[in-house]
Amino acid sequence: MAQEINQKILSYSNSQKQQHSQLPQKESMEIITQEYQNLIDKFSQEIFQAKQIKKEKNEKRSERLKNIPTFTNLLQKPQLDR
């Protein structure tokens, strides 16, 4: 009987130690996960901004190219307009 009680106490003590030793590991994993998520969010935002800048540049370039007369358009205009 005393041996069973000692075994249960030892078992309980070991499980408590194991839980306490896993707690910092779990917290550190959560911190690492949060830092990783923050990095992913930051890079996603930077990629989005880079795409937006590229899109705006392309739109401006496209707008400028629309205003440049092509050779065909010049041929179609009457002589007086040139």
PDB file of N, CA and C in Angstrom:
ATOM      1  N   MET A   1       0.825  -1.197   0.000  1.00  0.00           N
ATOM      2  CA  MET A   1       0.000   0.000   0.000  1.00  0.00           C
ATOM      3  C   MET A   1       0.864   1.253   0.000  1.00  0.00           C
ATOM      4  N   ALA A   2       1.856   1.283   0.883  1.00  0.00           N
ATOM      5  CA  ALA A   2       2.751   2.442   0.957  1.00  0.00           C
ATOM      6  C   ALA A   2       3.544   2.580  -0.334  1.00  0.00           C
ATOM      7  N   GLN A   3       3.872   1.423  -0.917  1.00  0.00           N
ATOM      8  CA  GLN A   3       4.623   1.459  -2.168  1.00  0.00           C
ATOM      9  C   GLN A   3       3.768   2.051  -3.289  1.00  0.00           C
ATOM     10  N   GLU A   4       2.482   1.705  -3.319  1.00  0.00           N
ATOM     11  CA  GLU A   4       1.576   2.261  -4.329  1.00  0.00           C
ATOM     12  C   GLU A   4       1.447   3.769  -4.167  1.00  0.00           C
ATOM     13  N   ILE A   5       1.334   4.220  -2.936  1.00  0.00           N
ATOM     14  CA  ILE A   5       1.215   5.657  -2.673  1.00  0.00           C
ATOM     15  C   ILE A   5       2.490   6.375  -3.115  1.00  0.00           C
ATOM     16  N   ASN A   6       3.637   5.788  -2.766  1.00  0.00           N
ATOM     17  CA  ASN A   6       4.910   6.384  -3.192  1.00  0.00           C
ATOM     18  C   ASN A   6       5.021   6.421  -4.716  1.00  0.00           C
ATOM     19  N   GLN A   7       4.561   5.349  -5.360  1.00  0.00           N
ATOM     20  CA  GLN A   7       4.602   5.280  -6.821  1.00  0.00           C
ATOM     21  C   GLN A   7       3.712   6.359  -7.433  1.00  0.00           C
ATOM     22  N   LYS A   8       2.508   6.554  -6.867  1.00  0.00           N
ATOM     23  CA  LYS A   8       1.592   7.580  -7.368  1.00  0.00           C
ATOM     24  C   LYS A   8       2.165   8.978  -7.151  1.00  0.00           C
ATOM     25  N   ILE A   9       2.765   9.188  -5.978  1.00  0.00           N
ATOM     26  CA  ILE A   9       3.376  10.494  -5.688  1.00  0.00           C
ATOM     27  C   ILE A   9       4.527  10.757  -6.663  1.00  0.00           C
ATOM     28  N   LEU A  10       5.349   9.743  -6.884  1.00  0.00           N
ATOM     29  CA  LEU A  10       6.468   9.874  -7.809  1.00  0.00           C
ATOM     30  C   LEU A  10       5.968  10.133  -9.232  1.00  0.00           C
ATOM     31  N   SER A  11       4.945   9.396  -9.614  1.00  0.00           N
ATOM     32  CA  SER A  11       4.361   9.567 -10.940  1.00  0.00           C
ATOM     33  C   SER A  11       3.792  10.974 -11.108  1.00  0.00           C
ATOM     34  N   TYR A  12       3.065  11.432 -10.081  1.00  0.00           N
ATOM     35  CA  TYR A  12       2.487  12.779 -10.112  1.00  0.00           C
ATOM     36  C   TYR A  12       3.595  13.831 -10.176  1.00  0.00           C
ATOM     37  N   SER A  13       4.630  13.641  -9.381  1.00  0.00           N
ATOM     38  CA  SER A  13       5.758  14.572  -9.349  1.00  0.00           C
ATOM     39  C   SER A  13       6.449  14.633 -10.709  1.00  0.00           C
ATOM     40  N   ASN A  14       6.643  13.477 -11.322  1.00  0.00           N
ATOM     41  CA  ASN A  14       7.275  13.433 -12.644  1.00  0.00           C
ATOM     42  C   ASN A  14       6.413  14.108 -13.704  1.00  0.00           C
ATOM     43  N   SER A  15       5.107  13.894 -13.629  1.00  0.00           N
ATOM     44  CA  SER A  15       4.228  14.525 -14.616  1.00  0.00           C
ATOM     45  C   SER A  15       4.229  16.044 -14.442  1.00  0.00           C
ATOM     46  N   GLN A  16       4.283  16.513 -13.190  1.00  0.00           N
ATOM     47  CA  GLN A  16       4.343  17.958 -12.932  1.00  0.00           C
ATOM     48  C   GLN A  16       5.642  18.546 -13.480  1.00  0.00           C
ATOM     49  N   LYS A  17       6.752  17.832 -13.246  1.00  0.00           N
ATOM     50  CA  LYS A  17       8.043  18.299 -13.761  1.00  0.00           C
ATOM     51  C   LYS A  17       8.016  18.363 -15.282  1.00  0.00           C
ATOM     52  N   GLN A  18       7.428  17.350 -15.886  1.00  0.00           N
ATOM     53  CA  GLN A  18       7.359  17.303 -17.340  1.00  0.00           C
ATOM     54  C   GLN A  18       6.517  18.457 -17.875  1.00  0.00           C
ATOM     55  N   GLN A  19       5.393  18.740 -17.226  1.00  0.00           N
ATOM     56  CA  GLN A  19       4.551  19.854 -17.651  1.00  0.00           C
ATOM     57  C   GLN A  19       5.290  21.172 -17.511  1.00  0.00           C
ATOM     58  N   HIS A  20       6.007  21.345 -16.413  1.00  0.00           N
ATOM     59  CA  HIS A  20       6.745  22.587 -16.199  1.00  0.00           C
ATOM     60  C   HIS A  20       7.900  22.723 -17.187  1.00  0.00           C
ATOM     61  N   SER A  21       8.518  21.630 -17.554  1.00  0.00           N
ATOM     62  CA  SER A  21       9.627  21.710 -18.504  1.00  0.00           C
ATOM     63  C   SER A  21       9.112  21.969 -19.915  1.00  0.00           C
ATOM     64  N   GLN A  22       7.893  21.545 -20.211  1.00  0.00           N
ATOM     65  CA  GLN A  22       7.332  21.768 -21.534  1.00  0.00           C
ATOM     66  C   GLN A  22       6.748  23.163 -21.685  1.00  0.00           C
ATOM     67  N   LEU A  23       6.406  23.786 -20.590  1.00  0.00           N
ATOM     68  CA  LEU A  23       5.791  25.107 -20.652  1.00  0.00           C
ATOM     69  C   LEU A  23       6.706  26.129 -21.316  1.00  0.00           C
ATOM     70  N   PRO A  24       7.959  26.275 -20.894  1.00  0.00           N
ATOM     71  CA  PRO A  24       8.827  27.240 -21.575  1.00  0.00           C
ATOM     72  C   PRO A  24       9.047  26.891 -23.042  1.00  0.00           C
ATOM     73  N   GLN A  25       9.117  25.604 -23.340  1.00  0.00           N
ATOM     74  CA  GLN A  25       9.292  25.189 -24.726  1.00  0.00           C
ATOM     75  C   GLN A  25       8.074  25.601 -25.549  1.00  0.00           C
ATOM     76  N   LYS A  26       6.889  25.402 -25.001  1.00  0.00           N
ATOM     77  CA  LYS A  26       5.668  25.782 -25.705  1.00  0.00           C
ATOM     78  C   LYS A  26       5.626  27.291 -25.905  1.00  0.00           C
ATOM     79  N   GLU A  27       5.974  28.033 -24.865  1.00  0.00           N
ATOM     80  CA  GLU A  27       5.982  29.490 -24.975  1.00  0.00           C
ATOM     81  C   GLU A  27       6.996  29.953 -26.012  1.00  0.00           C
ATOM     82  N   SER A  28       8.169  29.335 -26.021  1.00  0.00           N
ATOM     83  CA  SER A  28       9.185  29.732 -26.997  1.00  0.00           C
ATOM     84  C   SER A  28       8.738  29.383 -28.411  1.00  0.00           C
ATOM     85  N   MET A  29       8.052  28.267 -28.576  1.00  0.00           N
ATOM     86  CA  MET A  29       7.527  27.910 -29.898  1.00  0.00           C
ATOM     87  C   MET A  29       6.471  28.912 -30.345  1.00  0.00           C
ATOM     88  N   GLU A  30       5.640  29.356 -29.417  1.00  0.00           N
ATOM     89  CA  GLU A  30       4.627  30.352 -29.755  1.00  0.00           C
ATOM     90  C   GLU A  30       5.282  31.671 -30.146  1.00  0.00           C
ATOM     91  N   ILE A  31       6.347  32.039 -29.435  1.00  0.00           N
ATOM     92  CA  ILE A  31       7.068  33.269 -29.764  1.00  0.00           C
ATOM     93  C   ILE A  31       7.698  33.153 -31.148  1.00  0.00           C
ATOM     94  N   ILE A  32       8.317  32.013 -31.421  1.00  0.00           N
ATOM     95  CA  ILE A  32       8.931  31.791 -32.735  1.00  0.00           C
ATOM     96  C   ILE A  32       7.869  31.833 -33.823  1.00  0.00           C
ATOM     97  N   THR A  33       6.735  31.205 -33.573  1.00  0.00           N
ATOM     98  CA  THR A  33       5.641  31.207 -34.541  1.00  0.00           C
ATOM     99  C   THR A  33       5.153  32.624 -34.796  1.00  0.00           C
ATOM    100  N   GLN A  34       5.012  33.419 -33.747  1.00  0.00           N
ATOM    101  CA  GLN A  34       4.556  34.802 -33.887  1.00  0.00           C
ATOM    102  C   GLN A  34       5.573  35.636 -34.668  1.00  0.00           C
ATOM    103  N   GLU A  35       6.859  35.458 -34.370  1.00  0.00           N
ATOM    104  CA  GLU A  35       7.898  36.185 -35.100  1.00  0.00           C
ATOM    105  C   GLU A  35       7.891  35.794 -36.573  1.00  0.00           C
ATOM    106  N   TYR A  36       7.723  34.506 -36.839  1.00  0.00           N
ATOM    107  CA  TYR A  36       7.657  34.020 -38.219  1.00  0.00           C
ATOM    108  C   TYR A  36       6.462  34.633 -38.936  1.00  0.00           C
ATOM    109  N   GLN A  37       5.323  34.665 -38.266  1.00  0.00           N
ATOM    110  CA  GLN A  37       4.118  35.249 -38.861  1.00  0.00           C
ATOM    111  C   GLN A  37       4.324  36.735 -39.141  1.00  0.00           C
ATOM    112  N   ASN A  38       4.994  37.435 -38.218  1.00  0.00           N
ATOM    113  CA  ASN A  38       5.279  38.856 -38.428  1.00  0.00           C
ATOM    114  C   ASN A  38       6.165  39.062 -39.652  1.00  0.00           C
ATOM    115  N   LEU A  39       7.177  38.188 -39.814  1.00  0.00           N
ATOM    116  CA  LEU A  39       8.045  38.291 -40.987  1.00  0.00           C
ATOM    117  C   LEU A  39       7.272  38.025 -42.276  1.00  0.00           C
ATOM    118  N   ILE A  40       6.428  37.017 -42.253  1.00  0.00           N
ATOM    119  CA  ILE A  40       5.622  36.694 -43.433  1.00  0.00           C
ATOM    120  C   ILE A  40       4.728  37.880 -43.787  1.00  0.00           C
ATOM    121  N   ASP A  41       4.088  38.482 -42.788  1.00  0.00           N
ATOM    122  CA  ASP A  41       3.229  39.642 -43.025  1.00  0.00           C
ATOM    123  C   ASP A  41       4.027  40.807 -43.604  1.00  0.00           C
ATOM    124  N   LYS A  42       5.213  41.040 -43.048  1.00  0.00           N
ATOM    125  CA  LYS A  42       6.061  42.143 -43.511  1.00  0.00           C
ATOM    126  C   LYS A  42       6.456  41.929 -44.971  1.00  0.00           C
ATOM    127  N   PHE A  43       6.923  40.718 -45.300  1.00  0.00           N
ATOM    128  CA  PHE A  43       7.335  40.440 -46.669  1.00  0.00           C
ATOM    129  C   PHE A  43       6.155  40.466 -47.627  1.00  0.00           C
ATOM    130  N   SER A  44       5.011  40.005 -47.187  1.00  0.00           N
ATOM    131  CA  SER A  44       3.816  40.059 -48.032  1.00  0.00           C
ATOM    132  C   SER A  44       3.462  41.502 -48.350  1.00  0.00           C
ATOM    133  N   GLN A  45       3.555  42.354 -47.345  1.00  0.00           N
ATOM    134  CA  GLN A  45       3.257  43.771 -47.542  1.00  0.00           C
ATOM    135  C   GLN A  45       4.276  44.408 -48.493  1.00  0.00           C
ATOM    136  N   GLU A  46       5.556  44.082 -48.324  1.00  0.00           N
ATOM    137  CA  GLU A  46       6.587  44.626 -49.205  1.00  0.00           C
ATOM    138  C   GLU A  46       6.387  44.151 -50.641  1.00  0.00           C
ATOM    139  N   ILE A  47       6.037  42.896 -50.818  1.00  0.00           N
ATOM    140  CA  ILE A  47       5.787  42.363 -52.157  1.00  0.00           C
ATOM    141  C   ILE A  47       4.592  43.069 -52.778  1.00  0.00           C
ATOM    142  N   PHE A  48       3.532  43.264 -51.997  1.00  0.00           N
ATOM    143  CA  PHE A  48       2.347  43.955 -52.492  1.00  0.00           C
ATOM    144  C   PHE A  48       2.698  45.380 -52.914  1.00  0.00           C
ATOM    145  N   GLN A  49       3.482  46.084 -52.081  1.00  0.00           N
ATOM    146  CA  GLN A  49       3.868  47.455 -52.409  1.00  0.00           C
ATOM    147  C   GLN A  49       4.713  47.493 -53.676  1.00  0.00           C
ATOM    148  N   ALA A  50       5.638  46.551 -53.819  1.00  0.00           N
ATOM    149  CA  ALA A  50       6.476  46.497 -55.014  1.00  0.00           C
ATOM    150  C   ALA A  50       5.619  46.261 -56.256  1.00  0.00           C
ATOM    151  N   LYS A  51       4.627  45.382 -56.141  1.00  0.00           N
ATOM    152  CA  LYS A  51       3.735  45.126 -57.277  1.00  0.00           C
ATOM    153  C   LYS A  51       2.916  46.366 -57.620  1.00  0.00           C
ATOM    154  N   GLN A  52       2.456  47.084 -56.587  1.00  0.00           N
ATOM    155  CA  GLN A  52       1.680  48.305 -56.809  1.00  0.00           C
ATOM    156  C   GLN A  52       2.526  49.354 -57.525  1.00  0.00           C
ATOM    157  N   ILE A  53       3.770  49.531 -57.082  1.00  0.00           N
ATOM    158  CA  ILE A  53       4.663  50.509 -57.705  1.00  0.00           C
ATOM    159  C   ILE A  53       4.903  50.138 -59.162  1.00  0.00           C
ATOM    160  N   LYS A  54       5.146  48.864 -59.412  1.00  0.00           N
ATOM    161  CA  LYS A  54       5.377  48.400 -60.784  1.00  0.00           C
ATOM    162  C   LYS A  54       4.129  48.622 -61.642  1.00  0.00           C
ATOM    163  N   LYS A  55       2.973  48.350 -61.071  1.00  0.00           N
ATOM    164  CA  LYS A  55       1.716  48.540 -61.794  1.00  0.00           C
ATOM    165  C   LYS A  55       1.516  50.013 -62.141  1.00  0.00           C
ATOM    166  N   GLU A  56       1.784  50.905 -61.169  1.00  0.00           N
ATOM    167  CA  GLU A  56       1.637  52.338 -61.416  1.00  0.00           C
ATOM    168  C   GLU A  56       2.610  52.820 -62.484  1.00  0.00           C
ATOM    169  N   LYS A  57       3.851  52.331 -62.449  1.00  0.00           N
ATOM    170  CA  LYS A  57       4.836  52.706 -63.466  1.00  0.00           C
ATOM    171  C   LYS A  57       4.373  52.256 -64.847  1.00  0.00           C
ATOM    172  N   ASN A  58       3.857  51.023 -64.919  1.00  0.00           N
ATOM    173  CA  ASN A  58       3.373  50.510 -66.201  1.00  0.00           C
ATOM    174  C   ASN A  58       2.191  51.319 -66.716  1.00  0.00           C
ATOM    175  N   GLU A  59       1.303  51.738 -65.812  1.00  0.00           N
ATOM    176  CA  GLU A  59       0.161  52.552 -66.226  1.00  0.00           C
ATOM    177  C   GLU A  59       0.619  53.907 -66.755  1.00  0.00           C
ATOM    178  N   LYS A  60       1.586  54.530 -66.071  1.00  0.00           N
ATOM    179  CA  LYS A  60       2.119  55.818 -66.531  1.00  0.00           C
ATOM    180  C   LYS A  60       2.796  55.663 -67.886  1.00  0.00           C
ATOM    181  N   ARG A  61       3.580  54.601 -68.024  1.00  0.00           N
ATOM    182  CA  ARG A  61       4.273  54.340 -69.294  1.00  0.00           C
ATOM    183  C   ARG A  61       3.258  54.106 -70.407  1.00  0.00           C
ATOM    184  N   SER A  62       2.233  53.354 -70.110  1.00  0.00           N
ATOM    185  CA  SER A  62       1.194  53.077 -71.093  1.00  0.00           C
ATOM    186  C   SER A  62       0.500  54.367 -71.518  1.00  0.00           C
ATOM    187  N   GLU A  63       0.241  55.234 -70.540  1.00  0.00           N
ATOM    188  CA  GLU A  63      -0.417  56.505 -70.836  1.00  0.00           C
ATOM    189  C   GLU A  63       0.469  57.376 -71.725  1.00  0.00           C
ATOM    190  N   ARG A  64       1.767  57.404 -71.434  1.00  0.00           N
ATOM    191  CA  ARG A  64       2.694  58.192 -72.262  1.00  0.00           C
ATOM    192  C   ARG A  64       2.768  57.628 -73.678  1.00  0.00           C
ATOM    193  N   LEU A  65       2.768  56.299 -73.780  1.00  0.00           N
ATOM    194  CA  LEU A  65       2.867  55.687 -75.105  1.00  0.00           C
ATOM    195  C   LEU A  65       1.613  55.930 -75.942  1.00  0.00           C
ATOM    196  N   LYS A  66       0.479  56.110 -75.294  1.00  0.00           N
ATOM    197  CA  LYS A  66      -0.755  56.394 -76.034  1.00  0.00           C
ATOM    198  C   LYS A  66      -0.667  57.735 -76.746  1.00  0.00           C
ATOM    199  N   ASN A  67       0.063  58.669 -76.164  1.00  0.00           N
ATOM    200  CA  ASN A  67       0.157  60.011 -76.722  1.00  0.00           C
ATOM    201  C   ASN A  67       1.201  60.137 -77.824  1.00  0.00           C
ATOM    202  N   ILE A  68       2.025  59.132 -78.012  1.00  0.00           N
ATOM    203  CA  ILE A  68       3.034  59.177 -79.070  1.00  0.00           C
ATOM    204  C   ILE A  68       2.375  58.734 -80.374  1.00  0.00           C
ATOM    205  N   PRO A  69       2.434  59.601 -81.380  1.00  0.00           N
ATOM    206  CA  PRO A  69       1.815  59.214 -82.657  1.00  0.00           C
ATOM    207  C   PRO A  69       2.625  58.114 -83.342  1.00  0.00           C
ATOM    208  N   THR A  70       1.941  57.164 -83.908  1.00  0.00           N
ATOM    209  CA  THR A  70       2.607  56.082 -84.632  1.00  0.00           C
ATOM    210  C   THR A  70       2.781  56.497 -86.084  1.00  0.00           C
ATOM    211  N   PHE A  71       3.613  55.789 -86.778  1.00  0.00           N
ATOM    212  CA  PHE A  71       3.858  56.083 -88.188  1.00  0.00           C
ATOM    213  C   PHE A  71       2.565  55.961 -88.996  1.00  0.00           C
ATOM    214  N   THR A  72       1.778  54.949 -88.692  1.00  0.00           N
ATOM    215  CA  THR A  72       0.506  54.741 -89.399  1.00  0.00           C
ATOM    216  C   THR A  72      -0.442  55.902 -89.144  1.00  0.00           C
ATOM    217  N   ASN A  73      -0.504  56.351 -87.897  1.00  0.00           N
ATOM    218  CA  ASN A  73      -1.378  57.484 -87.579  1.00  0.00           C
ATOM    219  C   ASN A  73      -0.929  58.743 -88.310  1.00  0.00           C
ATOM    220  N   LEU A  74       0.373  58.939 -88.417  1.00  0.00           N
ATOM    221  CA  LEU A  74       0.878  60.115 -89.125  1.00  0.00           C
ATOM    222  C   LEU A  74       0.509  60.068 -90.603  1.00  0.00           C
ATOM    223  N   LEU A  75       0.552  58.881 -91.188  1.00  0.00           N
ATOM    224  CA  LEU A  75       0.185  58.745 -92.600  1.00  0.00           C
ATOM    225  C   LEU A  75      -1.297  59.006 -92.826  1.00  0.00           C
ATOM    226  N   GLN A  76      -2.107  58.716 -91.839  1.00  0.00           N
ATOM    227  CA  GLN A  76      -3.546  58.882 -91.988  1.00  0.00           C
ATOM    228  C   GLN A  76      -3.975  60.335 -91.846  1.00  0.00           C
ATOM    229  N   LYS A  77      -3.151  61.155 -91.189  1.00  0.00           N
ATOM    230  CA  LYS A  77      -3.522  62.557 -91.015  1.00  0.00           C
ATOM    231  C   LYS A  77      -3.365  63.302 -92.336  1.00  0.00           C
ATOM    232  N   PRO A  78      -4.197  64.279 -92.548  1.00  0.00           N
ATOM    233  CA  PRO A  78      -4.032  65.089 -93.769  1.00  0.00           C
ATOM    234  C   PRO A  78      -2.710  65.866 -93.731  1.00  0.00           C
ATOM    235  N   GLN A  79      -2.253  66.267 -94.884  1.00  0.00           N
ATOM    236  CA  GLN A  79      -0.972  66.963 -95.007  1.00  0.00           C
ATOM    237  C   GLN A  79      -0.936  68.249 -94.183  1.00  0.00           C
ATOM    238  N   LEU A  80      -2.037  68.961 -94.091  1.00  0.00           N
ATOM    239  CA  LEU A  80      -2.071  70.236 -93.383  1.00  0.00           C
ATOM    240  C   LEU A  80      -1.907  70.062 -91.873  1.00  0.00           C
ATOM    241  N   ASP A  81      -2.396  68.975 -91.341  1.00  0.00           N
ATOM    242  CA  ASP A  81      -2.316  68.744 -89.897  1.00  0.00           C
ATOM    243  C   ASP A  81      -0.891  68.424 -89.441  1.00  0.00           C
ATOM    244  N   ARG A  82      -0.093  67.903 -90.349  1.00  0.00           N
ATOM    245  CA  ARG A  82       1.268  67.519 -89.977  1.00  0.00           C
ATOM    246  C   ARG A  82       2.062  68.752 -89.829  1.00  0.00           C
TER     247      ARG A  82
END
